Protein backbone atom coordinates (compact mmCIF):
# COMPACT_ATOMS: atom_id res chain seq x y z
CA MET A 1 8.65 18.29 13.18
CA PRO A 2 5.99 17.59 10.32
CA GLN A 3 2.98 18.65 11.77
CA VAL A 4 0.10 19.14 9.25
CA SER A 5 -3.88 19.57 9.12
CA LEU A 6 -6.10 16.73 9.26
CA THR A 7 -6.77 16.92 5.66
CA ALA A 8 -3.43 16.81 4.84
CA LEU A 9 -2.91 14.03 6.76
CA VAL A 10 -5.88 11.74 5.65
CA THR A 11 -4.85 12.69 2.07
CA HIS A 12 -1.13 11.56 2.48
CA ALA A 13 -2.53 8.53 4.17
CA LYS A 14 -4.97 7.60 1.43
CA THR A 15 -2.28 8.32 -1.09
CA GLY A 16 -0.10 5.79 0.70
CA ASP A 17 3.24 7.77 0.18
CA ARG A 18 3.73 8.71 3.78
CA VAL A 19 3.50 6.87 7.29
CA ILE A 20 1.22 8.92 9.52
CA SER A 21 1.04 8.83 13.38
CA PHE A 22 -1.73 9.66 15.75
CA PRO A 23 -2.71 8.96 19.57
CA THR A 24 -5.00 5.73 20.12
CA ASP A 25 -6.68 4.54 23.57
CA THR A 26 -3.43 2.49 24.35
CA VAL A 27 -0.34 3.67 22.59
CA PRO A 28 0.57 5.89 19.84
CA ALA A 29 0.19 4.50 16.74
CA LEU A 30 2.21 4.49 13.39
CA ALA A 31 0.08 3.98 10.56
CA VAL A 32 0.06 3.87 6.62
CA ARG A 33 -2.07 2.46 3.68
CA PRO A 34 -2.13 -1.37 4.10
CA ASP A 35 -1.11 -2.13 0.78
CA ARG A 36 2.26 0.17 1.61
CA ALA A 37 3.03 -1.55 4.88
CA ASP A 38 6.24 -2.24 3.77
CA LEU A 39 7.20 1.73 4.74
CA ILE A 40 6.19 1.03 8.44
CA PHE A 41 8.63 -2.25 8.46
CA THR A 42 11.36 0.28 7.04
CA ALA A 43 10.92 2.76 9.43
CA LYS A 44 10.70 0.65 12.73
CA GLN A 45 13.36 -1.63 11.50
CA ARG A 46 10.91 -4.24 12.13
CA SER A 47 11.32 -8.07 11.13
CA GLN A 48 8.93 -9.37 8.68
CA GLU A 49 7.99 -12.05 10.97
CA LYS A 50 6.28 -9.63 13.17
CA PRO A 51 2.65 -8.45 11.41
CA LEU A 52 1.10 -5.35 11.53
CA ILE A 53 -2.58 -5.15 12.35
CA LEU A 54 -5.40 -3.47 10.83
CA MET A 55 -7.06 -0.50 12.55
CA ALA A 56 -10.33 0.86 11.77
CA ALA A 57 -13.18 3.23 12.85
CA ALA A 58 -15.85 0.75 12.77
CA PRO A 59 -16.30 -3.34 12.99
CA ASN A 60 -17.85 -3.35 9.55
CA ASP A 61 -14.98 -1.78 8.22
CA LEU A 62 -12.70 -4.81 9.17
CA TRP A 63 -15.01 -7.67 8.56
CA PRO A 64 -14.11 -8.15 4.52
CA PHE A 65 -10.52 -8.63 5.49
CA VAL A 66 -11.50 -11.99 7.55
CA GLU A 67 -12.96 -15.19 7.10
CA GLY A 68 -14.74 -18.00 8.89
CA ASP A 69 -18.17 -19.84 8.96
CA ALA A 70 -21.10 -18.44 9.99
CA GLU A 71 -21.09 -19.41 13.80
CA ALA A 72 -17.56 -18.41 14.21
CA GLN A 73 -18.38 -15.06 12.67
CA ARG A 74 -21.25 -14.59 15.08
CA ILE A 75 -18.74 -15.00 18.15
CA TRP A 76 -16.22 -12.84 16.85
CA GLN A 77 -19.16 -10.01 16.16
CA GLN A 78 -20.32 -10.83 19.39
CA VAL A 79 -16.91 -10.18 21.15
CA ALA A 80 -16.30 -7.08 19.00
CA THR A 81 -19.81 -5.69 20.11
CA ARG A 82 -18.73 -5.93 23.83
CA TYR A 83 -15.22 -4.51 23.50
CA TRP A 84 -14.80 -2.50 20.48
CA PRO A 85 -14.22 0.38 20.30
CA GLY A 86 -11.42 -0.08 22.94
CA ALA A 87 -8.18 -2.15 23.64
CA LEU A 88 -8.56 -5.21 22.28
CA THR A 89 -7.20 -6.78 19.35
CA LEU A 90 -8.54 -9.83 17.82
CA VAL A 91 -6.33 -12.32 15.54
CA LEU A 92 -8.53 -13.85 13.22
CA PRO A 93 -8.54 -16.09 9.89
CA ALA A 94 -7.32 -13.56 6.85
CA SER A 95 -9.28 -13.24 3.70
CA ASP A 96 -7.83 -12.76 0.35
CA ARG A 97 -8.58 -8.97 0.93
CA VAL A 98 -5.24 -8.78 3.03
CA PRO A 99 -2.47 -7.30 1.46
CA SER A 100 0.67 -9.51 1.92
CA ALA A 101 2.48 -6.31 2.79
CA ILE A 102 1.26 -6.43 6.32
CA HIS A 103 2.72 -9.99 7.20
CA PRO A 104 4.89 -11.02 4.52
CA GLN A 105 5.58 -14.09 6.12
CA ASP A 106 2.07 -15.73 6.83
CA LEU A 107 -1.17 -14.47 5.43
CA THR A 108 -3.34 -16.85 7.35
CA SER A 109 -4.22 -14.59 10.03
CA ILE A 110 -4.84 -11.00 10.47
CA GLY A 111 -5.11 -8.53 13.77
CA LEU A 112 -8.15 -6.09 14.00
CA ARG A 113 -9.09 -3.36 16.31
CA VAL A 114 -11.23 -0.32 16.48
CA PRO A 115 -9.75 2.48 18.77
CA ASN A 116 -12.00 4.17 21.38
CA HIS A 117 -10.23 7.57 20.80
CA PRO A 118 -11.46 11.01 19.22
CA VAL A 119 -8.55 11.49 17.09
CA ALA A 120 -7.93 7.95 15.68
CA GLN A 121 -11.49 8.00 15.06
CA ALA A 122 -11.42 11.05 13.35
CA ILE A 123 -8.80 9.88 10.85
CA LEU A 124 -9.88 6.32 10.62
CA THR A 125 -13.36 7.45 9.67
CA GLN A 126 -11.79 9.30 6.72
CA THR A 127 -9.21 6.96 5.47
CA GLY A 128 -10.81 3.67 5.88
CA PRO A 129 -8.63 0.71 7.71
CA LEU A 130 -4.79 1.43 7.95
CA ALA A 131 -2.07 -0.98 8.70
CA THR A 132 -0.53 0.02 12.16
CA THR A 133 1.58 -0.55 15.13
CA SER A 134 3.20 1.14 18.12
CA ALA A 135 5.09 4.19 17.35
CA ASN A 136 8.91 2.91 18.33
CA LEU A 137 11.86 1.29 16.76
CA SER A 138 11.44 -2.33 16.88
CA GLY A 139 12.36 -3.72 20.41
CA GLN A 140 11.91 -0.61 22.38
CA PRO A 141 9.46 0.93 24.11
CA PRO A 142 6.39 2.76 22.62
CA LEU A 143 6.60 6.59 22.40
CA GLU A 144 4.28 8.64 24.24
CA THR A 145 4.74 12.19 22.78
CA MET A 146 4.82 14.19 19.44
CA THR A 147 8.19 15.48 20.37
CA ALA A 148 9.60 11.93 20.96
CA ILE A 149 7.99 10.80 17.46
CA ALA A 150 8.97 13.40 15.59
CA ALA A 151 12.53 12.87 16.86
CA GLN A 152 12.96 9.46 16.05
CA PHE A 153 10.85 9.60 12.87
CA PRO A 154 11.44 12.95 11.24
CA GLU A 155 9.78 11.73 8.34
CA VAL A 156 6.19 10.42 9.90
CA LEU A 157 3.34 13.02 9.70
CA LEU A 158 1.70 14.06 12.68
CA LEU A 159 -1.22 16.64 13.28
CA SER A 160 -0.60 20.12 14.46
CA PRO A 161 -1.21 20.90 17.89
CA GLU A 162 -4.21 22.98 16.88
CA GLU A 163 -5.67 20.01 15.28
CA LEU A 164 -5.20 17.96 18.03
CA ALA A 165 -7.04 20.59 20.46
CA HIS A 166 -9.89 20.55 17.93
CA LEU A 167 -10.45 16.75 17.98
CA ILE A 168 -9.99 15.98 21.54
CA PRO A 169 -13.06 17.67 23.36
CA THR A 170 -11.54 18.21 26.68
CA GLY A 171 -8.89 20.33 25.39
CA GLU A 172 -6.14 18.44 26.73
CA ALA A 173 -3.97 18.42 23.59
CA ALA A 174 -0.59 20.00 23.53
CA ALA A 175 2.64 19.95 21.78
CA ASN A 176 3.97 17.36 24.07
CA HIS A 177 1.20 15.41 25.04
CA TRP A 178 -1.39 13.31 23.50
CA SER A 179 -4.39 13.05 25.64
CA GLU A 180 -5.49 11.59 29.01
CA SER A 181 -7.81 9.12 27.19
CA ALA A 182 -4.53 7.23 26.16
CA SER A 183 -3.70 4.61 28.70
CA GLY A 184 -0.12 4.31 27.79
CA VAL A 185 -0.75 0.24 28.32
CA PRO A 186 -0.76 -2.07 24.81
CA SER A 187 -4.03 -3.63 23.71
CA THR A 188 -5.00 -7.06 24.62
CA VAL A 189 -4.22 -9.38 21.80
CA ILE A 190 -6.63 -12.86 21.42
CA LYS A 191 -6.41 -15.09 18.84
CA TRP A 192 -9.09 -17.62 17.33
CA SER A 193 -7.70 -20.88 17.14
CA ASP A 194 -9.16 -24.28 16.82
CA SER A 195 -12.82 -22.77 17.51
CA THR A 196 -11.68 -20.70 20.92
CA TRP A 197 -9.80 -18.01 21.99
CA GLN A 198 -6.21 -17.90 22.71
CA VAL A 199 -4.83 -14.92 24.88
CA LEU A 200 -1.39 -13.72 23.06
CA ARG A 201 -0.85 -10.74 25.25
CA SER A 202 -2.30 -9.70 28.56
CA GLY A 203 -2.98 -5.62 28.05
CA ALA A 204 -5.32 -3.13 29.02
CA VAL A 205 -8.55 -5.10 28.50
CA LYS A 206 -9.59 -7.77 31.26
CA LEU A 207 -11.63 -10.40 29.17
CA GLU A 208 -14.56 -12.17 30.28
CA LEU A 209 -15.23 -14.58 27.07
């Protein structure tokens, strides 16, 4: 089980040579430097027709990856202010900053999320935006424990239990548990289309738009 320190995890994420995994407020994530998203597609045996999303510690880290007129951006930021950090993924028109590796089949849109979890925040604050998806083989249910993730993805880097215990204020971390703050329910996904929101997936957040 490749368990490492926070410093080592961040270093490998920045280098782009390894996929990492960490808990979020929904389900555990696989994550990698955006331009190395191919590593996740390979690890998950995931179709390139299914895009990854960008996850970051703060909304301002994500806005450079989208483009729209002033009114659209005002609406996006208003929704982000209300629901982020949290279990809502916004699918917005992509800017030319989005690496093609994240969605090889369609560069017109990109999913964005800011997770509400101390471990995810601690990592993303240091790495900047990462390409992410749930920790599971494509088509299978999300994995919920470090033991299960390590078994299915032996090359993926995880934080050691000691690091998790340090980063989770309530001391909930253990070798086989992430945190009680993880809901186990995937994020709600909404897409900006024709100047309105379209719900692509109902999930942890109940929207009031």
